[in-house]
Amino acid sequence: MVNFNPNKLQVKYLYSGDIDLLSRKYTLTHSDFTGELFLSIDKDYDYQKLKNSMYV
């Protein structure tokens, strides 16, 4: 197992305004090429990010 590198984590807040902690949804994806992690936080899952990261 590899150690976590916080420099390779990109966090994106997609919501505007206030949403309570229990309503937040977190979507974590990664790049096989760069090893970067992408965390999206919103009131719903980031389905667009999931759709774009899958091979169909």
PDB file of N, CA and C in Angstrom:
ATOM      1  N   MET A   1       0.841  -1.183   0.000  1.00  0.00           N
ATOM      2  CA  MET A   1       0.000   0.000   0.000  1.00  0.00           C
ATOM      3  C   MET A   1       0.885   1.243   0.000  1.00  0.00           C
ATOM      4  N   VAL A   2       0.481   2.230  -0.776  1.00  0.00           N
ATOM      5  CA  VAL A   2       1.249   3.463  -0.921  1.00  0.00           C
ATOM      6  C   VAL A   2       0.748   4.495   0.083  1.00  0.00           C
ATOM      7  N   ASN A   3       1.657   5.327   0.567  1.00  0.00           N
ATOM      8  CA  ASN A   3       1.271   6.393   1.499  1.00  0.00           C
ATOM      9  C   ASN A   3       0.469   7.468   0.783  1.00  0.00           C
ATOM     10  N   PHE A   4      -0.462   8.063   1.513  1.00  0.00           N
ATOM     11  CA  PHE A   4      -1.295   9.145   0.985  1.00  0.00           C
ATOM     12  C   PHE A   4      -0.456  10.397   0.800  1.00  0.00           C
ATOM     13  N   ASN A   5      -0.568  11.021  -0.378  1.00  0.00           N
ATOM     14  CA  ASN A   5       0.129  12.268  -0.678  1.00  0.00           C
ATOM     15  C   ASN A   5      -0.916  13.370  -0.838  1.00  0.00           C
ATOM     16  N   PRO A   6      -1.070  14.266   0.156  1.00  0.00           N
ATOM     17  CA  PRO A   6      -2.096  15.309   0.073  1.00  0.00           C
ATOM     18  C   PRO A   6      -1.883  16.286  -1.079  1.00  0.00           C
ATOM     19  N   ASN A   7      -0.675  16.363  -1.621  1.00  0.00           N
ATOM     20  CA  ASN A   7      -0.428  17.253  -2.758  1.00  0.00           C
ATOM     21  C   ASN A   7      -1.095  16.754  -4.036  1.00  0.00           C
ATOM     22  N   LYS A   8      -1.498  15.488  -4.056  1.00  0.00           N
ATOM     23  CA  LYS A   8      -2.156  14.925  -5.241  1.00  0.00           C
ATOM     24  C   LYS A   8      -3.672  14.889  -5.097  1.00  0.00           C
ATOM     25  N   LEU A   9      -4.202  15.557  -4.081  1.00  0.00           N
ATOM     26  CA  LEU A   9      -5.649  15.604  -3.857  1.00  0.00           C
ATOM     27  C   LEU A   9      -6.197  16.960  -4.292  1.00  0.00           C
ATOM     28  N   GLN A  10      -7.198  16.928  -5.161  1.00  0.00           N
ATOM     29  CA  GLN A  10      -7.892  18.141  -5.585  1.00  0.00           C
ATOM     30  C   GLN A  10      -9.326  18.063  -5.076  1.00  0.00           C
ATOM     31  N   VAL A  11      -9.746  19.083  -4.326  1.00  0.00           N
ATOM     32  CA  VAL A  11     -11.093  19.114  -3.759  1.00  0.00           C
ATOM     33  C   VAL A  11     -11.894  20.195  -4.466  1.00  0.00           C
ATOM     34  N   LYS A  12     -13.108  19.833  -4.883  1.00  0.00           N
ATOM     35  CA  LYS A  12     -13.985  20.780  -5.573  1.00  0.00           C
ATOM     36  C   LYS A  12     -15.331  20.809  -4.856  1.00  0.00           C
ATOM     37  N   TYR A  13     -15.715  22.001  -4.377  1.00  0.00           N
ATOM     38  CA  TYR A  13     -17.037  22.207  -3.784  1.00  0.00           C
ATOM     39  C   TYR A  13     -17.976  22.649  -4.899  1.00  0.00           C
ATOM     40  N   LEU A  14     -18.959  21.824  -5.226  1.00  0.00           N
ATOM     41  CA  LEU A  14     -19.839  22.109  -6.356  1.00  0.00           C
ATOM     42  C   LEU A  14     -21.090  22.876  -5.972  1.00  0.00           C
ATOM     43  N   TYR A  15     -21.421  22.899  -4.709  1.00  0.00           N
ATOM     44  CA  TYR A  15     -22.663  23.540  -4.284  1.00  0.00           C
ATOM     45  C   TYR A  15     -22.440  25.008  -3.984  1.00  0.00           C
ATOM     46  N   SER A  16     -23.496  25.778  -4.118  1.00  0.00           N
ATOM     47  CA  SER A  16     -23.448  27.174  -3.700  1.00  0.00           C
ATOM     48  C   SER A  16     -24.435  27.331  -2.552  1.00  0.00           C
ATOM     49  N   GLY A  17     -24.050  28.061  -1.569  1.00  0.00           N
ATOM     50  CA  GLY A  17     -24.911  28.219  -0.404  1.00  0.00           C
ATOM     51  C   GLY A  17     -24.591  27.190   0.659  1.00  0.00           C
ATOM     52  N   ASP A  18     -25.474  27.102   1.602  1.00  0.00           N
ATOM     53  CA  ASP A  18     -25.260  26.211   2.736  1.00  0.00           C
ATOM     54  C   ASP A  18     -26.033  24.913   2.567  1.00  0.00           C
ATOM     55  N   ILE A  19     -25.356  23.806   2.813  1.00  0.00           N
ATOM     56  CA  ILE A  19     -26.043  22.527   2.963  1.00  0.00           C
ATOM     57  C   ILE A  19     -25.496  21.895   4.231  1.00  0.00           C
ATOM     58  N   ASP A  20     -26.356  21.225   4.959  1.00  0.00           N
ATOM     59  CA  ASP A  20     -25.900  20.668   6.226  1.00  0.00           C
ATOM     60  C   ASP A  20     -24.985  19.468   5.979  1.00  0.00           C
ATOM     61  N   LEU A  21     -24.216  19.129   6.982  1.00  0.00           N
ATOM     62  CA  LEU A  21     -23.219  18.070   6.854  1.00  0.00           C
ATOM     63  C   LEU A  21     -23.826  16.731   6.465  1.00  0.00           C
ATOM     64  N   LEU A  22     -25.008  16.426   6.975  1.00  0.00           N
ATOM     65  CA  LEU A  22     -25.622  15.134   6.694  1.00  0.00           C
ATOM     66  C   LEU A  22     -26.128  15.022   5.263  1.00  0.00           C
ATOM     67  N   SER A  23     -26.322  16.150   4.591  1.00  0.00           N
ATOM     68  CA  SER A  23     -26.828  16.134   3.211  1.00  0.00           C
ATOM     69  C   SER A  23     -25.717  16.097   2.170  1.00  0.00           C
ATOM     70  N   ARG A  24     -24.480  16.252   2.593  1.00  0.00           N
ATOM     71  CA  ARG A  24     -23.378  16.265   1.636  1.00  0.00           C
ATOM     72  C   ARG A  24     -23.144  14.883   1.043  1.00  0.00           C
ATOM     73  N   LYS A  25     -22.782  14.881  -0.233  1.00  0.00           N
ATOM     74  CA  LYS A  25     -22.389  13.655  -0.922  1.00  0.00           C
ATOM     75  C   LYS A  25     -20.955  13.846  -1.416  1.00  0.00           C
ATOM     76  N   TYR A  26     -20.157  12.826  -1.261  1.00  0.00           N
ATOM     77  CA  TYR A  26     -18.750  12.876  -1.640  1.00  0.00           C
ATOM     78  C   TYR A  26     -18.497  11.897  -2.784  1.00  0.00           C
ATOM     79  N   THR A  27     -17.847  12.385  -3.839  1.00  0.00           N
ATOM     80  CA  THR A  27     -17.474  11.544  -4.972  1.00  0.00           C
ATOM     81  C   THR A  27     -15.957  11.589  -5.095  1.00  0.00           C
ATOM     82  N   LEU A  28     -15.318  10.439  -4.949  1.00  0.00           N
ATOM     83  CA  LEU A  28     -13.857  10.357  -5.038  1.00  0.00           C
ATOM     84  C   LEU A  28     -13.488   9.535  -6.263  1.00  0.00           C
ATOM     85  N   THR A  29     -12.731  10.152  -7.172  1.00  0.00           N
ATOM     86  CA  THR A  29     -12.235   9.461  -8.356  1.00  0.00           C
ATOM     87  C   THR A  29     -10.725   9.637  -8.399  1.00  0.00           C
ATOM     88  N   HIS A  30     -10.076   8.888  -9.271  1.00  0.00           N
ATOM     89  CA  HIS A  30      -8.623   9.006  -9.384  1.00  0.00           C
ATOM     90  C   HIS A  30      -8.186   8.836 -10.830  1.00  0.00           C
ATOM     91  N   SER A  31      -6.969   9.261 -11.090  1.00  0.00           N
ATOM     92  CA  SER A  31      -6.356   9.104 -12.405  1.00  0.00           C
ATOM     93  C   SER A  31      -5.320   7.990 -12.330  1.00  0.00           C
ATOM     94  N   ASP A  32      -5.457   6.993 -13.189  1.00  0.00           N
ATOM     95  CA  ASP A  32      -4.460   5.927 -13.258  1.00  0.00           C
ATOM     96  C   ASP A  32      -3.137   6.437 -13.819  1.00  0.00           C
ATOM     97  N   PHE A  33      -3.183   7.504 -14.600  1.00  0.00           N
ATOM     98  CA  PHE A  33      -1.983   8.025 -15.246  1.00  0.00           C
ATOM     99  C   PHE A  33      -1.142   8.886 -14.310  1.00  0.00           C
ATOM    100  N   THR A  34      -1.782   9.770 -13.542  1.00  0.00           N
ATOM    101  CA  THR A  34      -1.036  10.709 -12.693  1.00  0.00           C
ATOM    102  C   THR A  34      -1.053  10.331 -11.222  1.00  0.00           C
ATOM    103  N   GLY A  35      -1.981   9.470 -10.821  1.00  0.00           N
ATOM    104  CA  GLY A  35      -2.112   9.114  -9.411  1.00  0.00           C
ATOM    105  C   GLY A  35      -2.850  10.164  -8.605  1.00  0.00           C
ATOM    106  N   GLU A  36      -3.384  11.185  -9.270  1.00  0.00           N
ATOM    107  CA  GLU A  36      -4.117  12.234  -8.566  1.00  0.00           C
ATOM    108  C   GLU A  36      -5.484  11.734  -8.118  1.00  0.00           C
ATOM    109  N   LEU A  37      -5.956  12.296  -7.009  1.00  0.00           N
ATOM    110  CA  LEU A  37      -7.287  12.016  -6.483  1.00  0.00           C
ATOM    111  C   LEU A  37      -8.142  13.260  -6.654  1.00  0.00           C
ATOM    112  N   PHE A  38      -9.414  13.063  -7.005  1.00  0.00           N
ATOM    113  CA  PHE A  38     -10.340  14.168  -7.214  1.00  0.00           C
ATOM    114  C   PHE A  38     -11.552  13.946  -6.320  1.00  0.00           C
ATOM    115  N   LEU A  39     -11.780  14.865  -5.395  1.00  0.00           N
ATOM    116  CA  LEU A  39     -12.896  14.770  -4.465  1.00  0.00           C
ATOM    117  C   LEU A  39     -13.887  15.885  -4.757  1.00  0.00           C
ATOM    118  N   SER A  40     -15.120  15.500  -5.087  1.00  0.00           N
ATOM    119  CA  SER A  40     -16.195  16.466  -5.323  1.00  0.00           C
ATOM    120  C   SER A  40     -17.168  16.401  -4.156  1.00  0.00           C
ATOM    121  N   ILE A  41     -17.578  17.568  -3.658  1.00  0.00           N
ATOM    122  CA  ILE A  41     -18.523  17.651  -2.545  1.00  0.00           C
ATOM    123  C   ILE A  41     -19.719  18.466  -3.014  1.00  0.00           C
ATOM    124  N   ASP A  42     -20.910  17.886  -2.872  1.00  0.00           N
ATOM    125  CA  ASP A  42     -22.121  18.546  -3.354  1.00  0.00           C
ATOM    126  C   ASP A  42     -23.316  17.980  -2.608  1.00  0.00           C
ATOM    127  N   LYS A  43     -24.501  18.456  -2.950  1.00  0.00           N
ATOM    128  CA  LYS A  43     -25.724  17.931  -2.348  1.00  0.00           C
ATOM    129  C   LYS A  43     -26.126  16.607  -2.982  1.00  0.00           C
ATOM    130  N   ASP A  44     -25.490  16.252  -4.120  1.00  0.00           N
ATOM    131  CA  ASP A  44     -25.725  14.984  -4.800  1.00  0.00           C
ATOM    132  C   ASP A  44     -24.376  14.476  -5.309  1.00  0.00           C
ATOM    133  N   TYR A  45     -24.308  13.215  -5.690  1.00  0.00           N
ATOM    134  CA  TYR A  45     -23.069  12.669  -6.228  1.00  0.00           C
ATOM    135  C   TYR A  45     -22.739  13.336  -7.559  1.00  0.00           C
ATOM    136  N   ASP A  46     -21.467  13.402  -7.891  1.00  0.00           N
ATOM    137  CA  ASP A  46     -21.006  14.014  -9.139  1.00  0.00           C
ATOM    138  C   ASP A  46     -21.063  12.963 -10.253  1.00  0.00           C
ATOM    139  N   TYR A  47     -22.282  12.708 -10.734  1.00  0.00           N
ATOM    140  CA  TYR A  47     -22.488  11.675 -11.749  1.00  0.00           C
ATOM    141  C   TYR A  47     -21.749  11.996 -13.044  1.00  0.00           C
ATOM    142  N   GLN A  48     -21.598  13.272 -13.369  1.00  0.00           N
ATOM    143  CA  GLN A  48     -20.882  13.660 -14.583  1.00  0.00           C
ATOM    144  C   GLN A  48     -19.420  13.232 -14.489  1.00  0.00           C
ATOM    145  N   LYS A  49     -18.827  13.409 -13.325  1.00  0.00           N
ATOM    146  CA  LYS A  49     -17.437  12.997 -13.120  1.00  0.00           C
ATOM    147  C   LYS A  49     -17.313  11.478 -13.217  1.00  0.00           C
ATOM    148  N   LEU A  50     -18.274  10.770 -12.648  1.00  0.00           N
ATOM    149  CA  LEU A  50     -18.254   9.309 -12.723  1.00  0.00           C
ATOM    150  C   LEU A  50     -18.431   8.832 -14.161  1.00  0.00           C
ATOM    151  N   LYS A  51     -19.341   9.465 -14.880  1.00  0.00           N
ATOM    152  CA  LYS A  51     -19.603   9.087 -16.272  1.00  0.00           C
ATOM    153  C   LYS A  51     -18.372   9.320 -17.137  1.00  0.00           C
ATOM    154  N   ASN A  52     -17.691  10.446 -16.921  1.00  0.00           N
ATOM    155  CA  ASN A  52     -16.518  10.787 -17.721  1.00  0.00           C
ATOM    156  C   ASN A  52     -15.308   9.931 -17.381  1.00  0.00           C
ATOM    157  N   SER A  53     -15.291   9.319 -16.205  1.00  0.00           N
ATOM    158  CA  SER A  53     -14.112   8.562 -15.798  1.00  0.00           C
ATOM    159  C   SER A  53     -14.232   7.072 -16.096  1.00  0.00           C
ATOM    160  N   MET A  54     -15.366   6.641 -16.636  1.00  0.00           N
ATOM    161  CA  MET A  54     -15.553   5.220 -16.931  1.00  0.00           C
ATOM    162  C   MET A  54     -15.359   4.946 -18.415  1.00  0.00           C
ATOM    163  N   TYR A  55     -14.809   3.796 -18.693  1.00  0.00           N
ATOM    164  CA  TYR A  55     -14.662   3.365 -20.083  1.00  0.00           C
ATOM    165  C   TYR A  55     -15.909   2.599 -20.476  1.00  0.00           C
ATOM    166  N   VAL A  56     -16.561   3.037 -21.527  1.00  0.00           N
ATOM    167  CA  VAL A  56     -17.803   2.400 -21.971  1.00  0.00           C
ATOM    168  C   VAL A  56     -17.549   1.631 -23.247  1.00  0.00           C
TER     169      VAL A  56
END
